[in-house]
Structure formats: C-alpha cells, structure tokens
Amino acid sequence: MENPFEIIIEKLTNIEKMLLELPKNGGFIPGNNPGFEEIMSIDEVAVFLKLSKPTIYGFCSSRKIPYSKKGKRLYFNKTEINDWISQGRKKTFYEVLNEPIHGILKPPRRK
C-alpha cells in the first residue's frame, strides 16, 4: 500500500502546478481580470471618491450614484462608479471644435 502522505504531497504538487498555469491559460486573477467586478462598501466608496459618507448617502437618496441595496446595506460596483465619474467629463475646447456641425443645426419642422 502506498504512503498516504506521499499521495497528499503529489496531489498538492499537481494543484500548485495548475494554479501557476491559470494566468497563462487566461484564468481568473482577482483585480487583474477585466470581468472581475469589485464590490465596495459605503466606507470604501467614500475613501475612493474622497467624499464624506453623508454626501454618498445624499447621492443615493437622490439616485445620482449607482448602487445596490441588500437589506439595510448599500453596495457599490467599482466599475459602475468609474463609469459614473466618466459620464461627468467635460469636452475640451479642441474636442468641441472638431465636432461635426450637422448634429447642431436641425432642419425646420414642417407644420
């Protein structure tokens, strides 16, 4: 009969090899995987946005910030928060100059 400790060591070695090969095969790496969505608490969002907790609560009550609620807890998806921040981006002077004019001038409406 084979030594059970040798079997365990062999299995652990196989598991270690598979884990080391995950990044090479496009496996899951938290924080480095584009499909990975980090969930943050209100404290983490307040630190991330450099705003006070009451301000975050105010944004939630007026539905200005994307959030999820489970029971009495608020949860924030980091990707959604980044998208929300990007939506407030203002165009530069040169971006406005390079926009096509045809969208600005509309033909007159017929009556």
N, C-alpha and C. Protein backbone atom coordinates (compact mmCIF):
# COMPACT_ATOMS: atom_id res chain seq x y z
N MET A 1 0.84 -1.20 0.00
CA MET A 1 0.00 0.00 0.00
C MET A 1 0.88 1.25 0.00
N GLU A 2 0.46 2.24 -0.78
CA GLU A 2 1.23 3.46 -0.93
C GLU A 2 1.05 4.36 0.30
N ASN A 3 2.06 5.12 0.63
CA ASN A 3 2.03 6.01 1.78
C ASN A 3 1.03 7.14 1.53
N PRO A 4 0.04 7.34 2.43
CA PRO A 4 -0.98 8.38 2.21
C PRO A 4 -0.39 9.79 2.16
N PHE A 5 0.71 10.02 2.87
CA PHE A 5 1.32 11.35 2.86
C PHE A 5 1.95 11.65 1.50
N GLU A 6 2.47 10.63 0.85
CA GLU A 6 3.04 10.82 -0.48
C GLU A 6 1.93 11.14 -1.48
N ILE A 7 0.77 10.51 -1.31
CA ILE A 7 -0.38 10.79 -2.18
C ILE A 7 -0.82 12.24 -2.02
N ILE A 8 -0.89 12.70 -0.77
CA ILE A 8 -1.30 14.08 -0.49
C ILE A 8 -0.30 15.07 -1.08
N ILE A 9 0.99 14.79 -0.91
CA ILE A 9 2.03 15.68 -1.44
C ILE A 9 1.96 15.72 -2.96
N GLU A 10 1.73 14.58 -3.58
CA GLU A 10 1.62 14.53 -5.05
C GLU A 10 0.42 15.33 -5.54
N LYS A 11 -0.71 15.19 -4.84
CA LYS A 11 -1.91 15.93 -5.23
C LYS A 11 -1.72 17.44 -5.04
N LEU A 12 -1.08 17.84 -3.94
CA LEU A 12 -0.82 19.25 -3.70
C LEU A 12 0.12 19.83 -4.76
N THR A 13 1.10 19.05 -5.16
CA THR A 13 2.02 19.49 -6.21
C THR A 13 1.27 19.69 -7.52
N ASN A 14 0.35 18.78 -7.85
CA ASN A 14 -0.46 18.93 -9.06
C ASN A 14 -1.35 20.17 -9.00
N ILE A 15 -1.94 20.42 -7.84
CA ILE A 15 -2.78 21.60 -7.67
C ILE A 15 -1.95 22.88 -7.83
N GLU A 16 -0.76 22.89 -7.25
CA GLU A 16 0.12 24.05 -7.37
C GLU A 16 0.48 24.31 -8.83
N LYS A 17 0.78 23.26 -9.58
CA LYS A 17 1.11 23.41 -11.00
C LYS A 17 -0.08 23.99 -11.77
N MET A 18 -1.28 23.50 -11.47
CA MET A 18 -2.47 24.00 -12.16
C MET A 18 -2.71 25.47 -11.83
N LEU A 19 -2.52 25.85 -10.58
CA LEU A 19 -2.71 27.25 -10.18
C LEU A 19 -1.69 28.17 -10.85
N LEU A 20 -0.47 27.70 -11.00
CA LEU A 20 0.56 28.51 -11.65
C LEU A 20 0.30 28.65 -13.15
N GLU A 21 -0.40 27.71 -13.74
CA GLU A 21 -0.70 27.75 -15.17
C GLU A 21 -1.96 28.56 -15.48
N LEU A 22 -2.77 28.88 -14.48
CA LEU A 22 -4.01 29.64 -14.71
C LEU A 22 -3.79 30.95 -15.46
N PRO A 23 -2.86 31.81 -15.04
CA PRO A 23 -2.68 33.07 -15.77
C PRO A 23 -2.27 32.85 -17.23
N LYS A 24 -1.50 31.82 -17.49
CA LYS A 24 -1.06 31.53 -18.86
C LYS A 24 -2.23 31.12 -19.74
N ASN A 25 -3.22 30.46 -19.13
CA ASN A 25 -4.37 29.96 -19.88
C ASN A 25 -5.55 30.92 -19.84
N GLY A 26 -5.32 32.14 -19.39
CA GLY A 26 -6.41 33.12 -19.31
C GLY A 26 -7.31 32.88 -18.12
N GLY A 27 -6.78 32.33 -17.05
CA GLY A 27 -7.56 32.02 -15.86
C GLY A 27 -7.87 33.25 -15.03
N PHE A 28 -8.57 33.04 -13.95
CA PHE A 28 -9.06 34.11 -13.09
C PHE A 28 -7.98 34.61 -12.16
N ILE A 29 -7.74 35.92 -12.17
CA ILE A 29 -6.84 36.58 -11.23
C ILE A 29 -7.60 37.78 -10.67
N PRO A 30 -7.99 37.77 -9.39
CA PRO A 30 -8.75 38.90 -8.84
C PRO A 30 -8.02 40.22 -9.02
N GLY A 31 -8.76 41.24 -9.45
CA GLY A 31 -8.18 42.56 -9.62
C GLY A 31 -7.46 42.75 -10.94
N ASN A 32 -7.12 41.64 -11.62
CA ASN A 32 -6.41 41.73 -12.88
C ASN A 32 -7.27 41.23 -14.03
N ASN A 33 -8.43 40.73 -13.72
CA ASN A 33 -9.33 40.15 -14.71
C ASN A 33 -10.37 41.20 -15.09
N PRO A 34 -10.53 41.52 -16.39
CA PRO A 34 -11.49 42.54 -16.78
C PRO A 34 -12.93 42.20 -16.41
N GLY A 35 -13.26 40.92 -16.30
CA GLY A 35 -14.61 40.52 -15.94
C GLY A 35 -14.87 40.57 -14.45
N PHE A 36 -13.82 40.79 -13.68
CA PHE A 36 -13.95 40.81 -12.22
C PHE A 36 -14.48 42.16 -11.78
N GLU A 37 -15.56 42.14 -11.05
CA GLU A 37 -16.15 43.38 -10.58
C GLU A 37 -16.03 43.46 -9.06
N GLU A 38 -15.33 44.46 -8.61
CA GLU A 38 -15.11 44.63 -7.18
C GLU A 38 -16.30 45.34 -6.54
N ILE A 39 -16.81 44.78 -5.47
CA ILE A 39 -17.92 45.37 -4.73
C ILE A 39 -17.34 46.13 -3.55
N MET A 40 -17.82 47.37 -3.35
CA MET A 40 -17.30 48.21 -2.28
C MET A 40 -18.43 48.60 -1.33
N SER A 41 -18.05 48.82 -0.08
CA SER A 41 -18.99 49.31 0.92
C SER A 41 -19.05 50.83 0.85
N ILE A 42 -19.93 51.42 1.62
CA ILE A 42 -20.04 52.88 1.60
C ILE A 42 -18.77 53.54 2.14
N ASP A 43 -18.13 52.89 3.11
CA ASP A 43 -16.87 53.44 3.63
C ASP A 43 -15.79 53.45 2.54
N GLU A 44 -15.71 52.35 1.79
CA GLU A 44 -14.71 52.26 0.72
C GLU A 44 -15.00 53.26 -0.40
N VAL A 45 -16.28 53.45 -0.73
CA VAL A 45 -16.64 54.42 -1.77
C VAL A 45 -16.31 55.83 -1.31
N ALA A 46 -16.57 56.13 -0.05
CA ALA A 46 -16.28 57.46 0.48
C ALA A 46 -14.78 57.76 0.38
N VAL A 47 -13.95 56.77 0.69
CA VAL A 47 -12.50 56.95 0.58
C VAL A 47 -12.10 57.05 -0.89
N PHE A 48 -12.67 56.18 -1.72
CA PHE A 48 -12.34 56.15 -3.15
C PHE A 48 -12.68 57.47 -3.84
N LEU A 49 -13.84 58.04 -3.52
CA LEU A 49 -14.27 59.30 -4.14
C LEU A 49 -13.82 60.53 -3.38
N LYS A 50 -13.24 60.33 -2.20
CA LYS A 50 -12.79 61.43 -1.33
C LYS A 50 -13.95 62.34 -0.97
N LEU A 51 -15.08 61.70 -0.62
CA LEU A 51 -16.27 62.41 -0.18
C LEU A 51 -16.69 61.87 1.18
N SER A 52 -17.52 62.62 1.89
CA SER A 52 -17.99 62.15 3.19
C SER A 52 -19.12 61.13 3.00
N LYS A 53 -19.33 60.31 4.04
CA LYS A 53 -20.40 59.33 3.98
C LYS A 53 -21.77 59.99 3.83
N PRO A 54 -22.06 61.10 4.55
CA PRO A 54 -23.37 61.75 4.34
C PRO A 54 -23.58 62.21 2.89
N THR A 55 -22.51 62.65 2.23
CA THR A 55 -22.63 63.04 0.83
C THR A 55 -22.99 61.84 -0.04
N ILE A 56 -22.37 60.70 0.23
CA ILE A 56 -22.67 59.47 -0.53
C ILE A 56 -24.12 59.07 -0.28
N TYR A 57 -24.56 59.12 0.99
CA TYR A 57 -25.96 58.80 1.30
C TYR A 57 -26.92 59.75 0.56
N GLY A 58 -26.54 61.04 0.47
CA GLY A 58 -27.36 62.01 -0.25
C GLY A 58 -27.45 61.67 -1.73
N PHE A 59 -26.31 61.28 -2.32
CA PHE A 59 -26.32 60.87 -3.73
C PHE A 59 -27.20 59.65 -3.94
N CYS A 60 -27.18 58.73 -2.98
CA CYS A 60 -28.01 57.52 -3.09
C CYS A 60 -29.50 57.87 -3.00
N SER A 61 -29.84 58.73 -2.05
CA SER A 61 -31.26 59.06 -1.88
C SER A 61 -31.82 59.84 -3.06
N SER A 62 -30.98 60.64 -3.72
CA SER A 62 -31.43 61.36 -4.91
C SER A 62 -31.13 60.59 -6.19
N ARG A 63 -30.66 59.36 -6.05
CA ARG A 63 -30.36 58.45 -7.18
C ARG A 63 -29.39 59.07 -8.18
N LYS A 64 -28.36 59.74 -7.67
CA LYS A 64 -27.34 60.33 -8.52
C LYS A 64 -26.16 59.39 -8.73
N ILE A 65 -26.03 58.38 -7.88
CA ILE A 65 -24.89 57.47 -7.94
C ILE A 65 -25.43 56.04 -8.06
N PRO A 66 -24.79 55.19 -8.86
CA PRO A 66 -25.27 53.80 -8.99
C PRO A 66 -24.92 52.98 -7.75
N TYR A 67 -25.90 52.28 -7.22
CA TYR A 67 -25.68 51.45 -6.03
C TYR A 67 -26.68 50.31 -6.02
N SER A 68 -26.40 49.32 -5.17
CA SER A 68 -27.33 48.21 -4.94
C SER A 68 -27.61 48.17 -3.45
N LYS A 69 -28.78 47.69 -3.11
CA LYS A 69 -29.15 47.62 -1.71
C LYS A 69 -29.65 46.22 -1.41
N LYS A 70 -29.08 45.61 -0.39
CA LYS A 70 -29.49 44.29 0.08
C LYS A 70 -29.77 44.44 1.57
N GLY A 71 -31.04 44.37 1.94
CA GLY A 71 -31.39 44.62 3.33
C GLY A 71 -31.17 46.08 3.64
N LYS A 72 -30.40 46.35 4.67
CA LYS A 72 -30.11 47.74 5.04
C LYS A 72 -28.73 48.19 4.55
N ARG A 73 -28.05 47.33 3.83
CA ARG A 73 -26.68 47.63 3.39
C ARG A 73 -26.66 48.15 1.95
N LEU A 74 -25.76 49.10 1.71
CA LEU A 74 -25.54 49.63 0.37
C LEU A 74 -24.25 49.04 -0.19
N TYR A 75 -24.29 48.67 -1.47
CA TYR A 75 -23.13 48.11 -2.14
C TYR A 75 -22.89 48.89 -3.43
N PHE A 76 -21.63 49.05 -3.78
CA PHE A 76 -21.25 49.82 -4.95
C PHE A 76 -20.29 48.99 -5.80
N ASN A 77 -20.56 48.96 -7.10
CA ASN A 77 -19.70 48.26 -8.04
C ASN A 77 -18.64 49.25 -8.51
N LYS A 78 -17.37 48.89 -8.36
CA LYS A 78 -16.29 49.83 -8.68
C LYS A 78 -16.31 50.22 -10.16
N THR A 79 -16.62 49.28 -11.04
CA THR A 79 -16.70 49.58 -12.47
C THR A 79 -17.80 50.60 -12.74
N GLU A 80 -18.96 50.42 -12.11
CA GLU A 80 -20.07 51.36 -12.30
C GLU A 80 -19.74 52.74 -11.75
N ILE A 81 -19.01 52.79 -10.64
CA ILE A 81 -18.61 54.07 -10.05
C ILE A 81 -17.65 54.78 -11.00
N ASN A 82 -16.69 54.05 -11.57
CA ASN A 82 -15.76 54.65 -12.53
C ASN A 82 -16.50 55.16 -13.76
N ASP A 83 -17.48 54.40 -14.25
CA ASP A 83 -18.29 54.84 -15.40
C ASP A 83 -19.08 56.09 -15.04
N TRP A 84 -19.63 56.12 -13.83
CA TRP A 84 -20.41 57.28 -13.37
C TRP A 84 -19.52 58.53 -13.33
N ILE A 85 -18.30 58.38 -12.88
CA ILE A 85 -17.36 59.51 -12.84
C ILE A 85 -17.05 59.97 -14.27
N SER A 86 -16.85 59.02 -15.17
CA SER A 86 -16.51 59.36 -16.56
C SER A 86 -17.64 60.08 -17.28
N GLN A 87 -18.88 59.82 -16.88
CA GLN A 87 -20.02 60.47 -17.52
C GLN A 87 -20.03 61.98 -17.28
N GLY A 88 -19.38 62.42 -16.23
CA GLY A 88 -19.34 63.85 -15.90
C GLY A 88 -18.22 64.59 -16.61
N ARG A 89 -17.49 63.89 -17.47
CA ARG A 89 -16.36 64.50 -18.16
C ARG A 89 -16.83 65.59 -19.13
N LYS A 90 -16.16 66.71 -19.09
CA LYS A 90 -16.45 67.83 -19.99
C LYS A 90 -15.46 67.79 -21.15
N LYS A 91 -15.95 68.12 -22.33
CA LYS A 91 -15.11 68.11 -23.52
C LYS A 91 -14.15 69.30 -23.50
N THR A 92 -12.98 69.08 -24.08
CA THR A 92 -12.01 70.17 -24.19
C THR A 92 -12.43 71.10 -25.32
N PHE A 93 -11.80 72.26 -25.36
CA PHE A 93 -12.08 73.25 -26.40
C PHE A 93 -11.86 72.65 -27.78
N TYR A 94 -10.78 71.88 -27.94
CA TYR A 94 -10.45 71.31 -29.25
C TYR A 94 -11.40 70.17 -29.63
N GLU A 95 -11.90 69.44 -28.66
CA GLU A 95 -12.89 68.40 -28.96
C GLU A 95 -14.19 69.03 -29.46
N VAL A 96 -14.58 70.14 -28.86
CA VAL A 96 -15.80 70.83 -29.30
C VAL A 96 -15.60 71.38 -30.70
N LEU A 97 -14.43 71.95 -30.99
CA LEU A 97 -14.15 72.49 -32.32
C LEU A 97 -14.17 71.41 -33.40
N ASN A 98 -13.75 70.20 -33.05
CA ASN A 98 -13.67 69.12 -34.03
C ASN A 98 -14.97 68.34 -34.19
N GLU A 99 -16.01 68.69 -33.44
CA GLU A 99 -17.29 68.00 -33.59
C GLU A 99 -17.95 68.40 -34.91
N PRO A 100 -18.65 67.48 -35.53
CA PRO A 100 -19.36 67.84 -36.76
C PRO A 100 -20.52 68.79 -36.45
N ILE A 101 -20.75 69.71 -37.35
CA ILE A 101 -21.79 70.73 -37.14
C ILE A 101 -23.17 70.19 -37.48
N HIS A 102 -23.28 69.17 -38.32
CA HIS A 102 -24.58 68.71 -38.79
C HIS A 102 -25.50 68.26 -37.65
N GLY A 103 -24.97 67.88 -36.53
CA GLY A 103 -25.82 67.48 -35.41
C GLY A 103 -26.37 68.67 -34.64
N ILE A 104 -25.74 69.81 -34.81
CA ILE A 104 -26.16 71.01 -34.07
C ILE A 104 -27.33 71.70 -34.78
N LEU A 105 -27.22 71.83 -36.10
CA LEU A 105 -28.26 72.51 -36.86
C LEU A 105 -29.29 71.49 -37.33
N LYS A 106 -30.51 71.65 -36.91
CA LYS A 106 -31.58 70.75 -37.30
C LYS A 106 -32.44 71.42 -38.37
N PRO A 107 -32.93 70.63 -39.30
CA PRO A 107 -33.82 71.24 -40.31
C PRO A 107 -35.12 71.70 -39.65
N PRO A 108 -35.76 72.74 -40.21
CA PRO A 108 -37.00 73.23 -39.62
C PRO A 108 -38.10 72.16 -39.70
N ARG A 109 -38.96 72.15 -38.68
CA ARG A 109 -40.07 71.19 -38.65
C ARG A 109 -41.18 71.64 -39.58
N ARG A 110 -41.80 70.69 -40.24
CA ARG A 110 -42.94 71.01 -41.08
C ARG A 110 -44.20 71.09 -40.25
N LYS A 111 -45.09 71.97 -40.66
CA LYS A 111 -46.34 72.13 -39.90
C LYS A 111 -47.47 71.51 -40.63
